[in-house]
Amino acid sequence: MSIIQTATEKMRSLPREKQQEVLDFIEFLQSQLAQQNINIEQIEPISFLAAAQQFAGCVDGGPGDLATNKQYLEGLGTE
């Protein structure tokens, strides 16, 4: 038996006032989900660079720029 079928059977055994409370609760849950979806849609996407800006340059050592370190890039893509 599915969750909906079980809930429907149990709801039918309740008095009318309690059935209305169940319906009100379901509508409350739906409004919460709708609000969460709106909040998620309002978040503007940003680039990885913008998200990690605070970490740029925080590592000591290593090559300064891999794009110009020809020795590091030697053989790249041949394996």
PDB file of N, CA and C in Angstrom:
ATOM      1  N   MET A   1       0.849  -1.176   0.000  1.00  0.00           N
ATOM      2  CA  MET A   1       0.000   0.000   0.000  1.00  0.00           C
ATOM      3  C   MET A   1       0.897   1.241   0.000  1.00  0.00           C
ATOM      4  N   SER A   2       0.566   2.214  -0.829  1.00  0.00           N
ATOM      5  CA  SER A   2       1.383   3.419  -0.939  1.00  0.00           C
ATOM      6  C   SER A   2       1.125   4.366   0.232  1.00  0.00           C
ATOM      7  N   ILE A   3       1.996   5.314   0.378  1.00  0.00           N
ATOM      8  CA  ILE A   3       1.858   6.311   1.449  1.00  0.00           C
ATOM      9  C   ILE A   3       0.552   7.090   1.285  1.00  0.00           C
ATOM     10  N   ILE A   4       0.219   7.449   0.063  1.00  0.00           N
ATOM     11  CA  ILE A   4      -1.006   8.221  -0.184  1.00  0.00           C
ATOM     12  C   ILE A   4      -2.234   7.402   0.186  1.00  0.00           C
ATOM     13  N   GLN A   5      -2.231   6.130  -0.188  1.00  0.00           N
ATOM     14  CA  GLN A   5      -3.368   5.275   0.159  1.00  0.00           C
ATOM     15  C   GLN A   5      -3.495   5.112   1.674  1.00  0.00           C
ATOM     16  N   THR A   6      -2.382   4.910   2.351  1.00  0.00           N
ATOM     17  CA  THR A   6      -2.402   4.767   3.807  1.00  0.00           C
ATOM     18  C   THR A   6      -2.888   6.047   4.462  1.00  0.00           C
ATOM     19  N   ALA A   7      -2.375   7.184   4.007  1.00  0.00           N
ATOM     20  CA  ALA A   7      -2.783   8.467   4.582  1.00  0.00           C
ATOM     21  C   ALA A   7      -4.269   8.730   4.329  1.00  0.00           C
ATOM     22  N   THR A   8      -4.746   8.389   3.146  1.00  0.00           N
ATOM     23  CA  THR A   8      -6.154   8.586   2.812  1.00  0.00           C
ATOM     24  C   THR A   8      -7.050   7.754   3.717  1.00  0.00           C
ATOM     25  N   GLU A   9      -6.686   6.500   3.923  1.00  0.00           N
ATOM     26  CA  GLU A   9      -7.487   5.634   4.803  1.00  0.00           C
ATOM     27  C   GLU A   9      -7.521   6.179   6.228  1.00  0.00           C
ATOM     28  N   LYS A  10      -6.374   6.570   6.723  1.00  0.00           N
ATOM     29  CA  LYS A  10      -6.310   7.097   8.086  1.00  0.00           C
ATOM     30  C   LYS A  10      -7.061   8.414   8.206  1.00  0.00           C
ATOM     31  N   MET A  11      -6.987   9.246   7.166  1.00  0.00           N
ATOM     32  CA  MET A  11      -7.677  10.534   7.189  1.00  0.00           C
ATOM     33  C   MET A  11      -9.195  10.332   7.204  1.00  0.00           C
ATOM     34  N   ARG A  12      -9.667   9.325   6.480  1.00  0.00           N
ATOM     35  CA  ARG A  12     -11.117   9.046   6.439  1.00  0.00           C
ATOM     36  C   ARG A  12     -11.658   8.667   7.817  1.00  0.00           C
ATOM     37  N   SER A  13     -10.808   8.100   8.666  1.00  0.00           N
ATOM     38  CA  SER A  13     -11.272   7.689   9.994  1.00  0.00           C
ATOM     39  C   SER A  13     -11.322   8.852  10.986  1.00  0.00           C
ATOM     40  N   LEU A  14     -10.797  10.000  10.576  1.00  0.00           N
ATOM     41  CA  LEU A  14     -10.791  11.167  11.466  1.00  0.00           C
ATOM     42  C   LEU A  14     -12.098  11.950  11.364  1.00  0.00           C
ATOM     43  N   PRO A  15     -12.438  12.687  12.424  1.00  0.00           N
ATOM     44  CA  PRO A  15     -13.602  13.586  12.330  1.00  0.00           C
ATOM     45  C   PRO A  15     -13.328  14.705  11.314  1.00  0.00           C
ATOM     46  N   ARG A  16     -14.375  15.310  10.818  1.00  0.00           N
ATOM     47  CA  ARG A  16     -14.272  16.343   9.767  1.00  0.00           C
ATOM     48  C   ARG A  16     -13.313  17.477  10.153  1.00  0.00           C
ATOM     49  N   GLU A  17     -13.341  17.917  11.415  1.00  0.00           N
ATOM     50  CA  GLU A  17     -12.474  19.026  11.846  1.00  0.00           C
ATOM     51  C   GLU A  17     -10.998  18.627  11.744  1.00  0.00           C
ATOM     52  N   LYS A  18     -10.706  17.394  12.120  1.00  0.00           N
ATOM     53  CA  LYS A  18      -9.323  16.912  12.056  1.00  0.00           C
ATOM     54  C   LYS A  18      -8.874  16.712  10.609  1.00  0.00           C
ATOM     55  N   GLN A  19      -9.797  16.321   9.743  1.00  0.00           N
ATOM     56  CA  GLN A  19      -9.478  16.201   8.325  1.00  0.00           C
ATOM     57  C   GLN A  19      -9.074  17.572   7.771  1.00  0.00           C
ATOM     58  N   GLN A  20      -9.795  18.608   8.225  1.00  0.00           N
ATOM     59  CA  GLN A  20      -9.460  19.960   7.782  1.00  0.00           C
ATOM     60  C   GLN A  20      -8.075  20.367   8.284  1.00  0.00           C
ATOM     61  N   GLU A  21      -7.726  19.966   9.497  1.00  0.00           N
ATOM     62  CA  GLU A  21      -6.392  20.266  10.032  1.00  0.00           C
ATOM     63  C   GLU A  21      -5.308  19.588   9.203  1.00  0.00           C
ATOM     64  N   VAL A  22      -5.566  18.351   8.806  1.00  0.00           N
ATOM     65  CA  VAL A  22      -4.613  17.630   7.965  1.00  0.00           C
ATOM     66  C   VAL A  22      -4.444  18.362   6.636  1.00  0.00           C
ATOM     67  N   LEU A  23      -5.543  18.774   6.048  1.00  0.00           N
ATOM     68  CA  LEU A  23      -5.489  19.510   4.787  1.00  0.00           C
ATOM     69  C   LEU A  23      -4.731  20.821   4.953  1.00  0.00           C
ATOM     70  N   ASP A  24      -4.989  21.529   6.036  1.00  0.00           N
ATOM     71  CA  ASP A  24      -4.270  22.784   6.309  1.00  0.00           C
ATOM     72  C   ASP A  24      -2.765  22.539   6.431  1.00  0.00           C
ATOM     73  N   PHE A  25      -2.400  21.440   7.088  1.00  0.00           N
ATOM     74  CA  PHE A  25      -0.986  21.117   7.253  1.00  0.00           C
ATOM     75  C   PHE A  25      -0.338  20.798   5.912  1.00  0.00           C
ATOM     76  N   ILE A  26      -1.034  20.066   5.069  1.00  0.00           N
ATOM     77  CA  ILE A  26      -0.516  19.754   3.734  1.00  0.00           C
ATOM     78  C   ILE A  26      -0.291  21.037   2.940  1.00  0.00           C
ATOM     79  N   GLU A  27      -1.253  21.957   3.012  1.00  0.00           N
ATOM     80  CA  GLU A  27      -1.105  23.234   2.311  1.00  0.00           C
ATOM     81  C   GLU A  27       0.054  24.051   2.876  1.00  0.00           C
ATOM     82  N   PHE A  28       0.272  23.973   4.189  1.00  0.00           N
ATOM     83  CA  PHE A  28       1.402  24.647   4.818  1.00  0.00           C
ATOM     84  C   PHE A  28       2.719  24.086   4.290  1.00  0.00           C
ATOM     85  N   LEU A  29       2.819  22.757   4.205  1.00  0.00           N
ATOM     86  CA  LEU A  29       4.028  22.131   3.675  1.00  0.00           C
ATOM     87  C   LEU A  29       4.272  22.530   2.222  1.00  0.00           C
ATOM     88  N   GLN A  30       3.197  22.599   1.437  1.00  0.00           N
ATOM     89  CA  GLN A  30       3.334  23.009   0.040  1.00  0.00           C
ATOM     90  C   GLN A  30       3.834  24.445  -0.065  1.00  0.00           C
ATOM     91  N   SER A  31       3.337  25.321   0.794  1.00  0.00           N
ATOM     92  CA  SER A  31       3.778  26.720   0.749  1.00  0.00           C
ATOM     93  C   SER A  31       5.246  26.837   1.154  1.00  0.00           C
ATOM     94  N   GLN A  32       5.695  26.008   2.109  1.00  0.00           N
ATOM     95  CA  GLN A  32       7.108  26.003   2.489  1.00  0.00           C
ATOM     96  C   GLN A  32       7.984  25.581   1.310  1.00  0.00           C
ATOM     97  N   LEU A  33       7.571  24.525   0.614  1.00  0.00           N
ATOM     98  CA  LEU A  33       8.341  24.057  -0.541  1.00  0.00           C
ATOM     99  C   LEU A  33       8.381  25.117  -1.637  1.00  0.00           C
ATOM    100  N   ALA A  34       7.255  25.770  -1.868  1.00  0.00           N
ATOM    101  CA  ALA A  34       7.205  26.813  -2.886  1.00  0.00           C
ATOM    102  C   ALA A  34       8.144  27.955  -2.520  1.00  0.00           C
ATOM    103  N   GLN A  35       8.187  28.326  -1.244  1.00  0.00           N
ATOM    104  CA  GLN A  35       9.068  29.399  -0.787  1.00  0.00           C
ATOM    105  C   GLN A  35      10.531  29.004  -0.956  1.00  0.00           C
ATOM    106  N   GLN A  36      10.864  27.754  -0.653  1.00  0.00           N
ATOM    107  CA  GLN A  36      12.233  27.287  -0.821  1.00  0.00           C
ATOM    108  C   GLN A  36      12.638  27.342  -2.293  1.00  0.00           C
ATOM    109  N   ASN A  37      11.726  26.950  -3.185  1.00  0.00           N
ATOM    110  CA  ASN A  37      12.024  26.986  -4.615  1.00  0.00           C
ATOM    111  C   ASN A  37      12.247  28.407  -5.085  1.00  0.00           C
ATOM    112  N   ILE A  38      11.465  29.347  -4.580  1.00  0.00           N
ATOM    113  CA  ILE A  38      11.634  30.755  -4.947  1.00  0.00           C
ATOM    114  C   ILE A  38      12.994  31.242  -4.473  1.00  0.00           C
ATOM    115  N   ASN A  39      13.377  30.893  -3.240  1.00  0.00           N
ATOM    116  CA  ASN A  39      14.666  31.319  -2.697  1.00  0.00           C
ATOM    117  C   ASN A  39      15.826  30.754  -3.499  1.00  0.00           C
ATOM    118  N   ILE A  40      15.711  29.509  -3.937  1.00  0.00           N
ATOM    119  CA  ILE A  40      16.773  28.889  -4.729  1.00  0.00           C
ATOM    120  C   ILE A  40      16.886  29.580  -6.084  1.00  0.00           C
ATOM    121  N   GLU A  41      15.765  29.918  -6.697  1.00  0.00           N
ATOM    122  CA  GLU A  41      15.781  30.569  -8.006  1.00  0.00           C
ATOM    123  C   GLU A  41      16.332  31.983  -7.929  1.00  0.00           C
ATOM    124  N   GLN A  42      16.248  32.623  -6.765  1.00  0.00           N
ATOM    125  CA  GLN A  42      16.722  33.996  -6.620  1.00  0.00           C
ATOM    126  C   GLN A  42      18.234  34.085  -6.466  1.00  0.00           C
ATOM    127  N   ILE A  43      18.886  32.960  -6.186  1.00  0.00           N
ATOM    128  CA  ILE A  43      20.338  32.960  -6.042  1.00  0.00           C
ATOM    129  C   ILE A  43      20.958  33.101  -7.424  1.00  0.00           C
ATOM    130  N   GLU A  44      21.772  34.141  -7.587  1.00  0.00           N
ATOM    131  CA  GLU A  44      22.405  34.371  -8.877  1.00  0.00           C
ATOM    132  C   GLU A  44      23.654  33.502  -8.980  1.00  0.00           C
ATOM    133  N   PRO A  45      23.816  32.812 -10.094  1.00  0.00           N
ATOM    134  CA  PRO A  45      25.009  31.985 -10.251  1.00  0.00           C
ATOM    135  C   PRO A  45      26.259  32.863 -10.364  1.00  0.00           C
ATOM    136  N   ILE A  46      27.351  32.382  -9.785  1.00  0.00           N
ATOM    137  CA  ILE A  46      28.617  33.102  -9.883  1.00  0.00           C
ATOM    138  C   ILE A  46      29.682  32.136 -10.390  1.00  0.00           C
ATOM    139  N   SER A  47      30.757  32.683 -10.889  1.00  0.00           N
ATOM    140  CA  SER A  47      31.838  31.843 -11.404  1.00  0.00           C
ATOM    141  C   SER A  47      32.623  31.244 -10.251  1.00  0.00           C
ATOM    142  N   PHE A  48      33.371  30.204 -10.567  1.00  0.00           N
ATOM    143  CA  PHE A  48      34.221  29.589  -9.550  1.00  0.00           C
ATOM    144  C   PHE A  48      35.257  30.592  -9.057  1.00  0.00           C
ATOM    145  N   LEU A  49      35.788  31.391  -9.973  1.00  0.00           N
ATOM    146  CA  LEU A  49      36.784  32.401  -9.589  1.00  0.00           C
ATOM    147  C   LEU A  49      36.214  33.367  -8.558  1.00  0.00           C
ATOM    148  N   ALA A  50      34.987  33.826  -8.782  1.00  0.00           N
ATOM    149  CA  ALA A  50      34.373  34.751  -7.830  1.00  0.00           C
ATOM    150  C   ALA A  50      34.133  34.078  -6.481  1.00  0.00           C
ATOM    151  N   ALA A  51      33.723  32.802  -6.506  1.00  0.00           N
ATOM    152  CA  ALA A  51      33.452  32.086  -5.259  1.00  0.00           C
ATOM    153  C   ALA A  51      34.740  31.818  -4.481  1.00  0.00           C
ATOM    154  N   ALA A  52      35.848  31.606  -5.183  1.00  0.00           N
ATOM    155  CA  ALA A  52      37.115  31.261  -4.539  1.00  0.00           C
ATOM    156  C   ALA A  52      38.074  32.443  -4.455  1.00  0.00           C
ATOM    157  N   GLN A  53      37.592  33.631  -4.707  1.00  0.00           N
ATOM    158  CA  GLN A  53      38.441  34.826  -4.743  1.00  0.00           C
ATOM    159  C   GLN A  53      39.246  34.987  -3.458  1.00  0.00           C
ATOM    160  N   GLN A  54      38.656  34.689  -2.320  1.00  0.00           N
ATOM    161  CA  GLN A  54      39.351  34.867  -1.042  1.00  0.00           C
ATOM    162  C   GLN A  54      40.557  33.937  -0.894  1.00  0.00           C
ATOM    163  N   PHE A  55      40.595  32.865  -1.680  1.00  0.00           N
ATOM    164  CA  PHE A  55      41.690  31.909  -1.578  1.00  0.00           C
ATOM    165  C   PHE A  55      42.780  32.145  -2.622  1.00  0.00           C
ATOM    166  N   ALA A  56      42.575  33.063  -3.545  1.00  0.00           N
ATOM    167  CA  ALA A  56      43.554  33.321  -4.598  1.00  0.00           C
ATOM    168  C   ALA A  56      44.853  33.822  -3.977  1.00  0.00           C
ATOM    169  N   GLY A  57      45.953  33.147  -4.326  1.00  0.00           N
ATOM    170  CA  GLY A  57      47.264  33.561  -3.846  1.00  0.00           C
ATOM    171  C   GLY A  57      47.586  33.152  -2.426  1.00  0.00           C
ATOM    172  N   CYS A  58      46.798  32.281  -1.826  1.00  0.00           N
ATOM    173  CA  CYS A  58      47.045  31.929  -0.423  1.00  0.00           C
ATOM    174  C   CYS A  58      48.012  30.755  -0.260  1.00  0.00           C
ATOM    175  N   VAL A  59      48.429  30.113  -1.349  1.00  0.00           N
ATOM    176  CA  VAL A  59      49.330  28.974  -1.274  1.00  0.00           C
ATOM    177  C   VAL A  59      50.753  29.450  -1.557  1.00  0.00           C
ATOM    178  N   ASP A  60      51.663  29.160  -0.654  1.00  0.00           N
ATOM    179  CA  ASP A  60      53.067  29.520  -0.852  1.00  0.00           C
ATOM    180  C   ASP A  60      53.778  28.402  -1.601  1.00  0.00           C
ATOM    181  N   GLY A  61      54.702  28.765  -2.444  1.00  0.00           N
ATOM    182  CA  GLY A  61      55.468  27.788  -3.200  1.00  0.00           C
ATOM    183  C   GLY A  61      54.736  27.362  -4.454  1.00  0.00           C
ATOM    184  N   GLY A  62      55.369  26.505  -5.236  1.00  0.00           N
ATOM    185  CA  GLY A  62      54.760  26.045  -6.481  1.00  0.00           C
ATOM    186  C   GLY A  62      54.953  27.061  -7.580  1.00  0.00           C
ATOM    187  N   PRO A  63      54.664  26.676  -8.809  1.00  0.00           N
ATOM    188  CA  PRO A  63      54.837  27.610  -9.928  1.00  0.00           C
ATOM    189  C   PRO A  63      53.833  28.753  -9.837  1.00  0.00           C
ATOM    190  N   GLY A  64      54.245  29.914 -10.259  1.00  0.00           N
ATOM    191  CA  GLY A  64      53.379  31.076 -10.205  1.00  0.00           C
ATOM    192  C   GLY A  64      52.221  30.978 -11.185  1.00  0.00           C
ATOM    193  N   ASP A  65      52.513  30.462 -12.386  1.00  0.00           N
ATOM    194  CA  ASP A  65      51.482  30.379 -13.412  1.00  0.00           C
ATOM    195  C   ASP A  65      51.772  29.152 -14.270  1.00  0.00           C
ATOM    196  N   LEU A  66      50.923  28.161 -14.206  1.00  0.00           N
ATOM    197  CA  LEU A  66      51.153  26.921 -14.951  1.00  0.00           C
ATOM    198  C   LEU A  66      51.132  27.129 -16.456  1.00  0.00           C
ATOM    199  N   ALA A  67      50.437  28.148 -16.924  1.00  0.00           N
ATOM    200  CA  ALA A  67      50.324  28.380 -18.354  1.00  0.00           C
ATOM    201  C   ALA A  67      51.659  28.802 -18.957  1.00  0.00           C
ATOM    202  N   THR A  68      52.537  29.395 -18.174  1.00  0.00           N
ATOM    203  CA  THR A  68      53.822  29.838 -18.715  1.00  0.00           C
ATOM    204  C   THR A  68      54.969  28.951 -18.266  1.00  0.00           C
ATOM    205  N   ASN A  69      54.699  27.936 -17.480  1.00  0.00           N
ATOM    206  CA  ASN A  69      55.730  27.025 -17.010  1.00  0.00           C
ATOM    207  C   ASN A  69      55.840  25.882 -18.017  1.00  0.00           C
ATOM    208  N   LYS A  70      56.621  26.091 -19.047  1.00  0.00           N
ATOM    209  CA  LYS A  70      56.691  25.134 -20.151  1.00  0.00           C
ATOM    210  C   LYS A  70      57.201  23.762 -19.703  1.00  0.00           C
ATOM    211  N   GLN A  71      58.116  23.723 -18.753  1.00  0.00           N
ATOM    212  CA  GLN A  71      58.638  22.448 -18.273  1.00  0.00           C
ATOM    213  C   GLN A  71      57.519  21.632 -17.625  1.00  0.00           C
ATOM    214  N   TYR A  72      56.633  22.281 -16.888  1.00  0.00           N
ATOM    215  CA  TYR A  72      55.522  21.595 -16.232  1.00  0.00           C
ATOM    216  C   TYR A  72      54.531  21.066 -17.246  1.00  0.00           C
ATOM    217  N   LEU A  73      54.347  21.799 -18.335  1.00  0.00           N
ATOM    218  CA  LEU A  73      53.359  21.417 -19.346  1.00  0.00           C
ATOM    219  C   LEU A  73      53.919  20.443 -20.385  1.00  0.00           C
ATOM    220  N   GLU A  74      55.229  20.150 -20.328  1.00  0.00           N
ATOM    221  CA  GLU A  74      55.855  19.269 -21.302  1.00  0.00           C
ATOM    222  C   GLU A  74      55.234  17.883 -21.248  1.00  0.00           C
ATOM    223  N   GLY A  75      54.781  17.377 -22.402  1.00  0.00           N
ATOM    224  CA  GLY A  75      54.196  16.053 -22.505  1.00  0.00           C
ATOM    225  C   GLY A  75      52.718  16.000 -22.161  1.00  0.00           C
ATOM    226  N   LEU A  76      52.123  17.124 -21.847  1.00  0.00           N
ATOM    227  CA  LEU A  76      50.713  17.166 -21.497  1.00  0.00           C
ATOM    228  C   LEU A  76      49.861  16.732 -22.689  1.00  0.00           C
ATOM    229  N   GLY A  77      48.972  15.805 -22.503  1.00  0.00           N
ATOM    230  CA  GLY A  77      48.064  15.364 -23.547  1.00  0.00           C
ATOM    231  C   GLY A  77      48.598  14.222 -24.401  1.00  0.00           C
ATOM    232  N   THR A  78      49.811  13.776 -24.124  1.00  0.00           N
ATOM    233  CA  THR A  78      50.373  12.692 -24.936  1.00  0.00           C
ATOM    234  C   THR A  78      50.160  11.335 -24.300  1.00  0.00           C
ATOM    235  N   GLU A  79      49.718  11.333 -23.061  1.00  0.00           N
ATOM    236  CA  GLU A  79      49.530  10.053 -22.364  1.00  0.00           C
ATOM    237  C   GLU A  79      48.106   9.591 -22.441  1.00  0.00           C
TER     238      GLU A  79
END
